[in-house]
PDB file of N, CA and C in Angstrom:
ATOM      1  N   MET A   1     110.873 112.986 119.224  1.00  0.00           N
ATOM      2  CA  MET A   1     110.427 113.339 120.565  1.00  0.00           C
ATOM      3  C   MET A   1     110.821 114.781 120.919  1.00  0.00           C
ATOM      4  N   ILE A   2     112.083 115.146 120.651  1.00  0.00           N
ATOM      5  CA  ILE A   2     112.535 116.501 120.947  1.00  0.00           C
ATOM      6  C   ILE A   2     111.814 117.502 120.057  1.00  0.00           C
ATOM      7  N   ARG A   3     111.590 117.116 118.802  1.00  0.00           N
ATOM      8  CA  ARG A   3     110.897 118.005 117.868  1.00  0.00           C
ATOM      9  C   ARG A   3     109.463 118.277 118.320  1.00  0.00           C
ATOM     10  N   ARG A   4     108.771 117.228 118.747  1.00  0.00           N
ATOM     11  CA  ARG A   4     107.399 117.386 119.258  1.00  0.00           C
ATOM     12  C   ARG A   4     107.372 118.301 120.477  1.00  0.00           C
ATOM     13  N   ALA A   5     108.326 118.090 121.387  1.00  0.00           N
ATOM     14  CA  ALA A   5     108.398 118.912 122.595  1.00  0.00           C
ATOM     15  C   ALA A   5     108.683 120.368 122.234  1.00  0.00           C
ATOM     16  N   LEU A   6     109.536 120.594 121.242  1.00  0.00           N
ATOM     17  CA  LEU A   6     109.829 121.952 120.792  1.00  0.00           C
ATOM     18  C   LEU A   6     108.577 122.615 120.229  1.00  0.00           C
ATOM     19  N   PHE A   7     107.811 121.880 119.414  1.00  0.00           N
ATOM     20  CA  PHE A   7     106.574 122.428 118.854  1.00  0.00           C
ATOM     21  C   PHE A   7     105.573 122.759 119.957  1.00  0.00           C
ATOM     22  N   ILE A   8     105.448 121.897 120.941  1.00  0.00           N
ATOM     23  CA  ILE A   8     104.521 122.152 122.051  1.00  0.00           C
ATOM     24  C   ILE A   8     104.987 123.366 122.857  1.00  0.00           C
ATOM     25  N   PHE A   9     106.307 123.448 123.106  1.00  0.00           N
ATOM     26  CA  PHE A   9     106.855 124.604 123.810  1.00  0.00           C
ATOM     27  C   PHE A   9     106.563 125.893 123.046  1.00  0.00           C
ATOM     28  N   LEU A  10     106.841 125.897 121.742  1.00  0.00           N
ATOM     29  CA  LEU A  10     106.595 127.096 120.923  1.00  0.00           C
ATOM     30  C   LEU A  10     105.113 127.450 120.895  1.00  0.00           C
ATOM     31  N   GLY A  11     104.248 126.444 120.797  1.00  0.00           N
ATOM     32  CA  GLY A  11     102.809 126.698 120.832  1.00  0.00           C
ATOM     33  C   GLY A  11     102.389 127.366 122.134  1.00  0.00           C
ATOM     34  N   THR A  12     102.941 126.878 123.234  1.00  0.00           N
ATOM     35  CA  THR A  12     102.615 127.447 124.541  1.00  0.00           C
ATOM     36  C   THR A  12     103.168 128.868 124.669  1.00  0.00           C
ATOM     37  N   LEU A  13     104.383 129.079 124.178  1.00  0.00           N
ATOM     38  CA  LEU A  13     104.985 130.411 124.195  1.00  0.00           C
ATOM     39  C   LEU A  13     104.126 131.412 123.417  1.00  0.00           C
ATOM     40  N   PHE A  14     103.723 131.032 122.196  1.00  0.00           N
ATOM     41  CA  PHE A  14     102.923 131.943 121.384  1.00  0.00           C
ATOM     42  C   PHE A  14     101.520 132.129 121.959  1.00  0.00           C
ATOM     43  N   MET A  15     100.992 131.123 122.644  1.00  0.00           N
ATOM     44  CA  MET A  15      99.692 131.310 123.287  1.00  0.00           C
ATOM     45  C   MET A  15      99.825 132.346 124.401  1.00  0.00           C
ATOM     46  N   GLY A  16     100.906 132.271 125.165  1.00  0.00           N
ATOM     47  CA  GLY A  16     101.140 133.273 126.212  1.00  0.00           C
ATOM     48  C   GLY A  16     101.263 134.664 125.635  1.00  0.00           C
ATOM     49  N   LEU A  17     102.001 134.790 124.525  1.00  0.00           N
ATOM     50  CA  LEU A  17     102.136 136.090 123.872  1.00  0.00           C
ATOM     51  C   LEU A  17     100.789 136.572 123.326  1.00  0.00           C
ATOM     52  N   GLY A  18      99.988 135.640 122.819  1.00  0.00           N
ATOM     53  CA  GLY A  18      98.651 135.992 122.323  1.00  0.00           C
ATOM     54  C   GLY A  18      97.757 136.500 123.442  1.00  0.00           C
ATOM     55  N   ILE A  19      97.850 135.864 124.606  1.00  0.00           N
ATOM     56  CA  ILE A  19      97.060 136.316 125.756  1.00  0.00           C
ATOM     57  C   ILE A  19      97.518 137.705 126.187  1.00  0.00           C
ATOM     58  N   LEU A  20      98.837 137.929 126.193  1.00  0.00           N
ATOM     59  CA  LEU A  20      99.355 139.267 126.504  1.00  0.00           C
ATOM     60  C   LEU A  20      98.852 140.295 125.493  1.00  0.00           C
ATOM     61  N   GLY A  21      98.735 139.867 124.241  1.00  0.00           N
ATOM     62  CA  GLY A  21      98.270 140.761 123.183  1.00  0.00           C
ATOM     63  C   GLY A  21      96.841 141.232 123.372  1.00  0.00           C
ATOM     64  N   ILE A  22      96.078 140.518 124.166  1.00  0.00           N
ATOM     65  CA  ILE A  22      94.703 140.936 124.442  1.00  0.00           C
ATOM     66  C   ILE A  22      94.707 142.247 125.227  1.00  0.00           C
ATOM     67  N   VAL A  23      95.673 142.395 126.133  1.00  0.00           N
ATOM     68  CA  VAL A  23      95.708 143.592 126.983  1.00  0.00           C
ATOM     69  C   VAL A  23      96.770 144.604 126.557  1.00  0.00           C
ATOM     70  N   LEU A  24      97.784 144.174 125.805  1.00  0.00           N
ATOM     71  CA  LEU A  24      98.823 145.094 125.332  1.00  0.00           C
ATOM     72  C   LEU A  24      98.540 145.458 123.882  1.00  0.00           C
ATOM     73  N   PRO A  25      98.251 146.716 123.601  1.00  0.00           N
ATOM     74  CA  PRO A  25      97.792 147.097 122.273  1.00  0.00           C
ATOM     75  C   PRO A  25      98.796 146.884 121.134  1.00  0.00           C
ATOM     76  N   LEU A  26     100.093 146.901 121.394  1.00  0.00           N
ATOM     77  CA  LEU A  26     101.057 146.742 120.306  1.00  0.00           C
ATOM     78  C   LEU A  26     101.432 145.296 120.022  1.00  0.00           C
ATOM     79  N   LEU A  27     100.961 144.377 120.824  1.00  0.00           N
ATOM     80  CA  LEU A  27     101.260 142.960 120.612  1.00  0.00           C
ATOM     81  C   LEU A  27     100.048 142.312 119.943  1.00  0.00           C
ATOM     82  N   PRO A  28     100.170 141.904 118.689  1.00  0.00           N
ATOM     83  CA  PRO A  28      98.991 141.394 117.972  1.00  0.00           C
ATOM     84  C   PRO A  28      98.580 139.999 118.456  1.00  0.00           C
ATOM     85  N   THR A  29      97.332 139.873 118.819  1.00  0.00           N
ATOM     86  CA  THR A  29      96.805 138.610 119.354  1.00  0.00           C
ATOM     87  C   THR A  29      96.643 137.552 118.267  1.00  0.00           C
ATOM     88  N   THR A  30      95.996 137.907 117.172  1.00  0.00           N
ATOM     89  CA  THR A  30      95.647 136.923 116.153  1.00  0.00           C
ATOM     90  C   THR A  30      96.851 136.190 115.566  1.00  0.00           C
ATOM     91  N   PRO A  31      97.911 136.888 115.141  1.00  0.00           N
ATOM     92  CA  PRO A  31      99.054 136.139 114.598  1.00  0.00           C
ATOM     93  C   PRO A  31      99.683 135.195 115.617  1.00  0.00           C
ATOM     94  N   MET A  32      99.726 135.622 116.877  1.00  0.00           N
ATOM     95  CA  MET A  32     100.306 134.761 117.912  1.00  0.00           C
ATOM     96  C   MET A  32      99.468 133.502 118.095  1.00  0.00           C
ATOM     97  N   LEU A  33      98.167 133.659 118.071  1.00  0.00           N
ATOM     98  CA  LEU A  33      97.298 132.492 118.244  1.00  0.00           C
ATOM     99  C   LEU A  33      97.298 131.609 117.002  1.00  0.00           C
ATOM    100  N   LEU A  34      97.489 132.197 115.822  1.00  0.00           N
ATOM    101  CA  LEU A  34      97.654 131.375 114.619  1.00  0.00           C
ATOM    102  C   LEU A  34      98.911 130.518 114.728  1.00  0.00           C
ATOM    103  N   LEU A  35      99.979 131.106 115.256  1.00  0.00           N
ATOM    104  CA  LEU A  35     101.206 130.334 115.474  1.00  0.00           C
ATOM    105  C   LEU A  35     100.986 129.255 116.528  1.00  0.00           C
ATOM    106  N   THR A  36     100.215 129.559 117.547  1.00  0.00           N
ATOM    107  CA  THR A  36      99.881 128.558 118.563  1.00  0.00           C
ATOM    108  C   THR A  36      99.202 127.359 117.913  1.00  0.00           C
ATOM    109  N   ALA A  37      98.193 127.626 117.103  1.00  0.00           N
ATOM    110  CA  ALA A  37      97.466 126.537 116.424  1.00  0.00           C
ATOM    111  C   ALA A  37      98.409 125.739 115.529  1.00  0.00           C
ATOM    112  N   TYR A  38      99.278 126.410 114.806  1.00  0.00           N
ATOM    113  CA  TYR A  38     100.218 125.735 113.908  1.00  0.00           C
ATOM    114  C   TYR A  38     101.160 124.823 114.692  1.00  0.00           C
ATOM    115  N   PHE A  39     101.791 125.368 115.729  1.00  0.00           N
ATOM    116  CA  PHE A  39     102.770 124.571 116.468  1.00  0.00           C
ATOM    117  C   PHE A  39     102.108 123.440 117.256  1.00  0.00           C
ATOM    118  N   TYR A  40     100.930 123.670 117.804  1.00  0.00           N
ATOM    119  CA  TYR A  40     100.231 122.581 118.478  1.00  0.00           C
ATOM    120  C   TYR A  40      99.822 121.494 117.489  1.00  0.00           C
ATOM    121  N   ALA A  41      99.399 121.882 116.294  1.00  0.00           N
ATOM    122  CA  ALA A  41      99.028 120.887 115.278  1.00  0.00           C
ATOM    123  C   ALA A  41     100.232 120.041 114.889  1.00  0.00           C
ATOM    124  N   LYS A  42     101.400 120.653 114.809  1.00  0.00           N
ATOM    125  CA  LYS A  42     102.625 119.923 114.470  1.00  0.00           C
ATOM    126  C   LYS A  42     103.132 119.086 115.641  1.00  0.00           C
ATOM    127  N   GLY A  43     102.878 119.535 116.875  1.00  0.00           N
ATOM    128  CA  GLY A  43     103.456 118.881 118.041  1.00  0.00           C
ATOM    129  C   GLY A  43     102.602 117.806 118.668  1.00  0.00           C
ATOM    130  N   SER A  44     101.290 118.019 118.707  1.00  0.00           N
ATOM    131  CA  SER A  44     100.444 117.072 119.437  1.00  0.00           C
ATOM    132  C   SER A  44      98.980 117.248 119.057  1.00  0.00           C
ATOM    133  N   LYS A  45      98.362 116.176 118.641  1.00  0.00           N
ATOM    134  CA  LYS A  45      96.931 116.219 118.318  1.00  0.00           C
ATOM    135  C   LYS A  45      96.130 116.589 119.563  1.00  0.00           C
ATOM    136  N   ARG A  46      96.550 116.050 120.711  1.00  0.00           N
ATOM    137  CA  ARG A  46      95.842 116.327 121.956  1.00  0.00           C
ATOM    138  C   ARG A  46      95.896 117.820 122.305  1.00  0.00           C
ATOM    139  N   PHE A  47      97.076 118.449 122.209  1.00  0.00           N
ATOM    140  CA  PHE A  47      97.194 119.879 122.494  1.00  0.00           C
ATOM    141  C   PHE A  47      96.396 120.702 121.482  1.00  0.00           C
ATOM    142  N   HIS A  48      96.469 120.318 120.209  1.00  0.00           N
ATOM    143  CA  HIS A  48      95.729 121.047 119.178  1.00  0.00           C
ATOM    144  C   HIS A  48      94.223 120.948 119.409  1.00  0.00           C
ATOM    145  N   ASP A  49      93.750 119.736 119.692  1.00  0.00           N
ATOM    146  CA  ASP A  49      92.318 119.562 119.963  1.00  0.00           C
ATOM    147  C   ASP A  49      91.888 120.371 121.178  1.00  0.00           C
ATOM    148  N   TRP A  50      92.719 120.378 122.223  1.00  0.00           N
ATOM    149  CA  TRP A  50      92.414 121.174 123.410  1.00  0.00           C
ATOM    150  C   TRP A  50      92.338 122.659 123.047  1.00  0.00           C
ATOM    151  N   PHE A  51      93.327 123.144 122.298  1.00  0.00           N
ATOM    152  CA  PHE A  51      93.378 124.564 121.955  1.00  0.00           C
ATOM    153  C   PHE A  51      92.157 124.984 121.145  1.00  0.00           C
ATOM    154  N   THR A  52      91.713 124.134 120.221  1.00  0.00           N
ATOM    155  CA  THR A  52      90.567 124.506 119.387  1.00  0.00           C
ATOM    156  C   THR A  52      89.247 124.530 120.172  1.00  0.00           C
ATOM    157  N   ARG A  53      89.276 124.057 121.407  1.00  0.00           N
ATOM    158  CA  ARG A  53      88.082 124.121 122.257  1.00  0.00           C
ATOM    159  C   ARG A  53      88.140 125.279 123.258  1.00  0.00           C
ATOM    160  N   THR A  54      89.244 126.030 123.280  1.00  0.00           N
ATOM    161  CA  THR A  54      89.372 127.116 124.249  1.00  0.00           C
ATOM    162  C   THR A  54      88.626 128.365 123.795  1.00  0.00           C
ATOM    163  N   TRP A  55      88.333 129.244 124.740  1.00  0.00           N
ATOM    164  CA  TRP A  55      87.681 130.523 124.419  1.00  0.00           C
ATOM    165  C   TRP A  55      88.579 131.377 123.538  1.00  0.00           C
ATOM    166  N   LEU A  56      89.891 131.266 123.698  1.00  0.00           N
ATOM    167  CA  LEU A  56      90.817 132.033 122.861  1.00  0.00           C
ATOM    168  C   LEU A  56      90.614 131.705 121.387  1.00  0.00           C
ATOM    169  N   TYR A  57      90.610 130.425 121.095  1.00  0.00           N
ATOM    170  CA  TYR A  57      90.435 129.986 119.706  1.00  0.00           C
ATOM    171  C   TYR A  57      89.068 130.427 119.195  1.00  0.00           C
ATOM    172  N   ASN A  58      88.051 130.173 119.984  1.00  0.00           N
ATOM    173  CA  ASN A  58      86.689 130.485 119.538  1.00  0.00           C
ATOM    174  C   ASN A  58      86.467 131.977 119.339  1.00  0.00           C
ATOM    175  N   LYS A  59      87.082 132.819 120.154  1.00  0.00           N
ATOM    176  CA  LYS A  59      86.878 134.261 120.029  1.00  0.00           C
ATOM    177  C   LYS A  59      87.738 134.873 118.930  1.00  0.00           C
ATOM    178  N   TYR A  60      89.001 134.435 118.820  1.00  0.00           N
ATOM    179  CA  TYR A  60      89.931 135.137 117.942  1.00  0.00           C
ATOM    180  C   TYR A  60      90.248 134.420 116.625  1.00  0.00           C
ATOM    181  N   LEU A  61      90.081 133.110 116.556  1.00  0.00           N
ATOM    182  CA  LEU A  61      90.529 132.390 115.364  1.00  0.00           C
ATOM    183  C   LEU A  61      89.479 131.576 114.637  1.00  0.00           C
ATOM    184  N   LYS A  62      88.446 131.172 115.311  1.00  0.00           N
ATOM    185  CA  LYS A  62      87.504 130.219 114.724  1.00  0.00           C
ATOM    186  C   LYS A  62      86.961 130.675 113.369  1.00  0.00           C
ATOM    187  N   ASN A  63      86.468 131.904 113.289  1.00  0.00           N
ATOM    188  CA  ASN A  63      85.916 132.392 112.026  1.00  0.00           C
ATOM    189  C   ASN A  63      86.967 132.390 110.928  1.00  0.00           C
ATOM    190  N   PHE A  64      88.160 132.864 111.262  1.00  0.00           N
ATOM    191  CA  PHE A  64      89.219 132.905 110.252  1.00  0.00           C
ATOM    192  C   PHE A  64      89.630 131.499 109.834  1.00  0.00           C
ATOM    193  N   ALA A  65      89.813 130.616 110.797  1.00  0.00           N
ATOM    194  CA  ALA A  65      90.272 129.259 110.488  1.00  0.00           C
ATOM    195  C   ALA A  65      89.227 128.468 109.699  1.00  0.00           C
ATOM    196  N   GLU A  66      87.964 128.634 110.027  1.00  0.00           N
ATOM    197  CA  GLU A  66      86.923 127.831 109.390  1.00  0.00           C
ATOM    198  C   GLU A  66      86.351 128.484 108.136  1.00  0.00           C
ATOM    199  N   GLU A  67      86.226 129.803 108.131  1.00  0.00           N
ATOM    200  CA  GLU A  67      85.588 130.497 107.013  1.00  0.00           C
ATOM    201  C   GLU A  67      86.569 131.273 106.141  1.00  0.00           C
ATOM    202  N   LYS A  68      87.818 131.379 106.575  1.00  0.00           N
ATOM    203  CA  LYS A  68      88.801 132.246 105.898  1.00  0.00           C
ATOM    204  C   LYS A  68      88.196 133.633 105.721  1.00  0.00           C
ATOM    205  N   ALA A  69      87.578 134.140 106.813  1.00  0.00           N
ATOM    206  CA  ALA A  69      86.904 135.435 106.760  1.00  0.00           C
ATOM    207  C   ALA A  69      87.219 136.243 108.003  1.00  0.00           C
ATOM    208  N   MET A  70      87.322 137.561 107.811  1.00  0.00           N
ATOM    209  CA  MET A  70      87.530 138.502 108.911  1.00  0.00           C
ATOM    210  C   MET A  70      86.691 139.738 108.633  1.00  0.00           C
ATOM    211  N   THR A  71      86.413 140.483 109.690  1.00  0.00           N
ATOM    212  CA  THR A  71      85.728 141.754 109.478  1.00  0.00           C
ATOM    213  C   THR A  71      86.735 142.738 108.873  1.00  0.00           C
ATOM    214  N   ARG A  72      86.218 143.763 108.216  1.00  0.00           N
ATOM    215  CA  ARG A  72      87.099 144.785 107.624  1.00  0.00           C
ATOM    216  C   ARG A  72      87.940 145.444 108.720  1.00  0.00           C
ATOM    217  N   ALA A  73      87.307 145.751 109.860  1.00  0.00           N
ATOM    218  CA  ALA A  73      88.043 146.364 110.970  1.00  0.00           C
ATOM    219  C   ALA A  73      89.132 145.424 111.484  1.00  0.00           C
ATOM    220  N   GLY A  74      88.815 144.142 111.565  1.00  0.00           N
ATOM    221  CA  GLY A  74      89.800 143.160 112.016  1.00  0.00           C
ATOM    222  C   GLY A  74      90.988 143.071 111.069  1.00  0.00           C
ATOM    223  N   LYS A  75      90.707 143.121 109.777  1.00  0.00           N
ATOM    224  CA  LYS A  75      91.787 143.091 108.783  1.00  0.00           C
ATOM    225  C   LYS A  75      92.707 144.301 108.952  1.00  0.00           C
ATOM    226  N   TRP A  76      92.109 145.484 109.043  1.00  0.00           N
ATOM    227  CA  TRP A  76      92.922 146.695 109.153  1.00  0.00           C
ATOM    228  C   TRP A  76      93.731 146.703 110.441  1.00  0.00           C
ATOM    229  N   LYS A  77      93.114 146.291 111.535  1.00  0.00           N
ATOM    230  CA  LYS A  77      93.824 146.258 112.816  1.00  0.00           C
ATOM    231  C   LYS A  77      95.026 145.327 112.724  1.00  0.00           C
ATOM    232  N   LEU A  78      94.814 144.164 112.168  1.00  0.00           N
ATOM    233  CA  LEU A  78      95.897 143.196 112.021  1.00  0.00           C
ATOM    234  C   LEU A  78      96.987 143.723 111.101  1.00  0.00           C
ATOM    235  N   MET A  79      96.596 144.283 109.967  1.00  0.00           N
ATOM    236  CA  MET A  79      97.589 144.786 109.005  1.00  0.00           C
ATOM    237  C   MET A  79      98.443 145.907 109.600  1.00  0.00           C
ATOM    238  N   ILE A  80      97.808 146.834 110.289  1.00  0.00           N
ATOM    239  CA  ILE A  80      98.541 147.958 110.862  1.00  0.00           C
ATOM    240  C   ILE A  80      99.485 147.489 111.974  1.00  0.00           C
ATOM    241  N   LEU A  81      99.012 146.586 112.821  1.00  0.00           N
ATOM    242  CA  LEU A  81      99.872 146.082 113.886  1.00  0.00           C
ATOM    243  C   LEU A  81     101.085 145.341 113.326  1.00  0.00           C
ATOM    244  N   VAL A  82     100.865 144.532 112.312  1.00  0.00           N
ATOM    245  CA  VAL A  82     101.990 143.819 111.689  1.00  0.00           C
ATOM    246  C   VAL A  82     102.937 144.817 111.031  1.00  0.00           C
ATOM    247  N   ASP A  83     102.400 145.833 110.376  1.00  0.00           N
ATOM    248  CA  ASP A  83     103.249 146.861 109.769  1.00  0.00           C
ATOM    249  C   ASP A  83     104.111 147.559 110.820  1.00  0.00           C
ATOM    250  N   LEU A  84     103.529 147.839 111.975  1.00  0.00           N
ATOM    251  CA  LEU A  84     104.293 148.471 113.054  1.00  0.00           C
ATOM    252  C   LEU A  84     105.418 147.566 113.550  1.00  0.00           C
ATOM    253  N   MET A  85     105.172 146.268 113.535  1.00  0.00           N
ATOM    254  CA  MET A  85     106.215 145.326 113.944  1.00  0.00           C
ATOM    255  C   MET A  85     107.321 145.237 112.890  1.00  0.00           C
ATOM    256  N   ILE A  86     106.977 145.378 111.647  1.00  0.00           N
ATOM    257  CA  ILE A  86     107.952 145.289 110.552  1.00  0.00           C
ATOM    258  C   ILE A  86     108.730 146.597 110.374  1.00  0.00           C
ATOM    259  N   LEU A  87     108.147 147.708 110.767  1.00  0.00           N
ATOM    260  CA  LEU A  87     108.739 149.026 110.528  1.00  0.00           C
ATOM    261  C   LEU A  87     110.189 149.166 111.028  1.00  0.00           C
ATOM    262  N   PRO A  88     110.518 148.742 112.249  1.00  0.00           N
ATOM    263  CA  PRO A  88     111.917 148.876 112.679  1.00  0.00           C
ATOM    264  C   PRO A  88     112.895 148.113 111.776  1.00  0.00           C
ATOM    265  N   THR A  89     112.502 146.948 111.319  1.00  0.00           N
ATOM    266  CA  THR A  89     113.356 146.191 110.409  1.00  0.00           C
ATOM    267  C   THR A  89     113.560 146.969 109.122  1.00  0.00           C
ATOM    268  N   PHE A  90     112.505 147.560 108.608  1.00  0.00           N
ATOM    269  CA  PHE A  90     112.611 148.364 107.385  1.00  0.00           C
ATOM    270  C   PHE A  90     113.539 149.563 107.600  1.00  0.00           C
ATOM    271  N   ILE A  91     113.360 150.248 108.707  1.00  0.00           N
ATOM    272  CA  ILE A  91     114.152 151.447 108.980  1.00  0.00           C
ATOM    273  C   ILE A  91     115.637 151.122 109.124  1.00  0.00           C
ATOM    274  N   PHE A  92     115.947 150.042 109.811  1.00  0.00           N
ATOM    275  CA  PHE A  92     117.346 149.718 110.101  1.00  0.00           C
ATOM    276  C   PHE A  92     117.975 148.760 109.107  1.00  0.00           C
ATOM    277  N   ALA A  93     117.255 148.394 108.058  1.00  0.00           N
ATOM    278  CA  ALA A  93     117.839 147.523 107.031  1.00  0.00           C
ATOM    279  C   ALA A  93     119.039 148.236 106.400  1.00  0.00           C
ATOM    280  N   PRO A  94     120.200 147.570 106.365  1.00  0.00           N
ATOM    281  CA  PRO A  94     121.406 148.255 105.892  1.00  0.00           C
ATOM    282  C   PRO A  94     121.518 148.385 104.370  1.00  0.00           C
ATOM    283  N   HIS A  95     120.693 147.647 103.627  1.00  0.00           N
ATOM    284  CA  HIS A  95     120.816 147.664 102.168  1.00  0.00           C
ATOM    285  C   HIS A  95     119.463 147.987 101.519  1.00  0.00           C
ATOM    286  N   LEU A  96     119.526 148.661 100.396  1.00  0.00           N
ATOM    287  CA  LEU A  96     118.318 149.016  99.655  1.00  0.00           C
ATOM    288  C   LEU A  96     117.541 147.777  99.234  1.00  0.00           C
ATOM    289  N   TRP A  97     118.236 146.728  98.782  1.00  0.00           N
ATOM    290  CA  TRP A  97     117.545 145.519  98.327  1.00  0.00           C
ATOM    291  C   TRP A  97     116.752 144.879  99.469  1.00  0.00           C
ATOM    292  N   MET A  98     117.216 145.017 100.715  1.00  0.00           N
ATOM    293  CA  MET A  98     116.472 144.476 101.858  1.00  0.00           C
ATOM    294  C   MET A  98     115.179 145.254 102.075  1.00  0.00           C
ATOM    295  N   ARG A  99     115.265 146.579 101.935  1.00  0.00           N
ATOM    296  CA  ARG A  99     114.070 147.402 102.089  1.00  0.00           C
ATOM    297  C   ARG A  99     113.047 147.110 100.994  1.00  0.00           C
ATOM    298  N   ILE A 100     113.539 146.918  99.790  1.00  0.00           N
ATOM    299  CA  ILE A 100     112.641 146.575  98.679  1.00  0.00           C
ATOM    300  C   ILE A 100     111.972 145.230  98.949  1.00  0.00           C
ATOM    301  N   MET A 101     112.739 144.262  99.454  1.00  0.00           N
ATOM    302  CA  MET A 101     112.178 142.945  99.767  1.00  0.00           C
ATOM    303  C   MET A 101     111.094 143.061 100.848  1.00  0.00           C
ATOM    304  N   ILE A 102     111.346 143.881 101.857  1.00  0.00           N
ATOM    305  CA  ILE A 102     110.357 144.086 102.922  1.00  0.00           C
ATOM    306  C   ILE A 102     109.087 144.718 102.355  1.00  0.00           C
ATOM    307  N   LEU A 103     109.232 145.704 101.480  1.00  0.00           N
ATOM    308  CA  LEU A 103     108.066 146.331 100.850  1.00  0.00           C
ATOM    309  C   LEU A 103     107.272 145.335 100.005  1.00  0.00           C
ATOM    310  N   VAL A 104     107.960 144.450  99.302  1.00  0.00           N
ATOM    311  CA  VAL A 104     107.284 143.426  98.499  1.00  0.00           C
ATOM    312  C   VAL A 104     106.494 142.487  99.409  1.00  0.00           C
ATOM    313  N   ILE A 105     107.110 142.085 100.528  1.00  0.00           N
ATOM    314  CA  ILE A 105     106.419 141.199 101.479  1.00  0.00           C
ATOM    315  C   ILE A 105     105.189 141.892 102.054  1.00  0.00           C
ATOM    316  N   VAL A 106     105.309 143.157 102.421  1.00  0.00           N
ATOM    317  CA  VAL A 106     104.162 143.910 102.962  1.00  0.00           C
ATOM    318  C   VAL A 106     103.060 144.011 101.904  1.00  0.00           C
ATOM    319  N   ALA A 107     103.434 144.301 100.665  1.00  0.00           N
ATOM    320  CA  ALA A 107     102.438 144.387  99.592  1.00  0.00           C
ATOM    321  C   ALA A 107     101.731 143.046  99.387  1.00  0.00           C
ATOM    322  N   MET A 108     102.492 141.958  99.434  1.00  0.00           N
ATOM    323  CA  MET A 108     101.891 140.621  99.278  1.00  0.00           C
ATOM    324  C   MET A 108     100.937 140.319 100.422  1.00  0.00           C
ATOM    325  N   LYS A 109     101.279 140.762 101.623  1.00  0.00           N
ATOM    326  CA  LYS A 109     100.410 140.565 102.793  1.00  0.00           C
ATOM    327  C   LYS A 109      99.070 141.275 102.575  1.00  0.00           C
ATOM    328  N   TYR A 110      99.118 142.540 102.137  1.00  0.00           N
ATOM    329  CA  TYR A 110      97.877 143.271 101.872  1.00  0.00           C
ATOM    330  C   TYR A 110      97.083 142.615 100.739  1.00  0.00           C
ATOM    331  N   LEU A 111      97.759 142.233  99.695  1.00  0.00           N
ATOM    332  CA  LEU A 111      97.100 141.574  98.578  1.00  0.00           C
ATOM    333  C   LEU A 111      96.385 140.306  99.038  1.00  0.00           C
ATOM    334  N   TYR A 112      97.066 139.501  99.847  1.00  0.00           N
ATOM    335  CA  TYR A 112      96.470 138.265 100.348  1.00  0.00           C
ATOM    336  C   TYR A 112      95.237 138.564 101.203  1.00  0.00           C
ATOM    337  N   PHE A 113      95.377 139.454 102.170  1.00  0.00           N
ATOM    338  CA  PHE A 113      94.266 139.687 103.092  1.00  0.00           C
ATOM    339  C   PHE A 113      93.076 140.374 102.450  1.00  0.00           C
ATOM    340  N   PHE A 114      93.304 141.138 101.383  1.00  0.00           N
ATOM    341  CA  PHE A 114      92.174 141.825 100.775  1.00  0.00           C
ATOM    342  C   PHE A 114      91.665 141.163  99.496  1.00  0.00           C
ATOM    343  N   THR A 115      92.300 140.054  99.076  1.00  0.00           N
ATOM    344  CA  THR A 115      91.773 139.321  97.928  1.00  0.00           C
ATOM    345  C   THR A 115      91.396 137.880  98.283  1.00  0.00           C
ATOM    346  N   VAL A 116      92.173 137.227  99.132  1.00  0.00           N
ATOM    347  CA  VAL A 116      91.908 135.822  99.469  1.00  0.00           C
ATOM    348  C   VAL A 116      91.021 135.691 100.702  1.00  0.00           C
ATOM    349  N   VAL A 117      91.316 136.454 101.736  1.00  0.00           N
ATOM    350  CA  VAL A 117      90.536 136.384 102.971  1.00  0.00           C
ATOM    351  C   VAL A 117      89.249 137.177 102.771  1.00  0.00           C
ATOM    352  N   LYS A 118      88.130 136.486 102.898  1.00  0.00           N
ATOM    353  CA  LYS A 118      86.834 137.129 102.690  1.00  0.00           C
ATOM    354  C   LYS A 118      86.553 138.159 103.787  1.00  0.00           C
ATOM    355  N   THR A 119      85.798 139.187 103.426  1.00  0.00           N
ATOM    356  CA  THR A 119      85.386 140.203 104.393  1.00  0.00           C
ATOM    357  C   THR A 119      83.964 139.891 104.814  1.00  0.00           C
ATOM    358  N   LYS A 120      83.782 139.747 106.120  1.00  0.00           N
ATOM    359  CA  LYS A 120      82.435 139.464 106.617  1.00  0.00           C
ATOM    360  C   LYS A 120      81.900 140.694 107.350  1.00  0.00           C
ATOM    361  N   PRO A 121      80.604 140.792 107.509  1.00  0.00           N
ATOM    362  CA  PRO A 121      80.023 141.960 108.194  1.00  0.00           C
ATOM    363  C   PRO A 121      80.509 142.033 109.636  1.00  0.00           C
ATOM    364  N   ASN A 122      80.554 143.262 110.171  1.00  0.00           N
ATOM    365  CA  ASN A 122      80.906 143.427 111.582  1.00  0.00           C
ATOM    366  C   ASN A 122      79.893 142.731 112.440  1.00  0.00           C
ATOM    367  N   GLU A 123      80.410 142.143 113.533  1.00  0.00           N
ATOM    368  CA  GLU A 123      79.511 141.450 114.449  1.00  0.00           C
ATOM    369  C   GLU A 123      78.867 142.468 115.376  1.00  0.00           C
ATOM    370  N   LYS A 124      77.579 142.351 115.553  1.00  0.00           N
ATOM    371  CA  LYS A 124      76.839 143.251 116.425  1.00  0.00           C
ATOM    372  C   LYS A 124      77.003 142.754 117.867  1.00  0.00           C
ATOM    373  N   THR A 125      77.269 143.677 118.764  1.00  0.00           N
ATOM    374  CA  THR A 125      77.368 143.301 120.186  1.00  0.00           C
ATOM    375  C   THR A 125      76.093 143.719 120.890  1.00  0.00           C
ATOM    376  N   ALA A 126      75.650 142.878 121.780  1.00  0.00           N
ATOM    377  CA  ALA A 126      74.386 143.151 122.461  1.00  0.00           C
ATOM    378  C   ALA A 126      74.586 143.905 123.743  1.00  0.00           C
TER     379      ALA A 126
END
């Protein structure tokens, strides 16, 4: 019971951060909403089902979740924002082995997004 409540709380927290990320340029929306979907799925089928019907999910996650595809611009935006979030940790890491580990993780992230996640054409806006 406490675990479910914690997952629902975390899902709600990350959804709030994702909504903030829509208007704040340095706060990445997509990763926050991915965490929302994950924690809601772990915490409550009802919350997860509700979230997958929201405009947030449909606008920011649906294509990625269902097709494992993103636009090239979307990939780059996400990668750069995540890199900016990781940069302070890299700079202030007290040991060389920690910096090397961070670089390996960043390289794996790029490898994953540019080899596993399909690139789809940019969506035309009317």
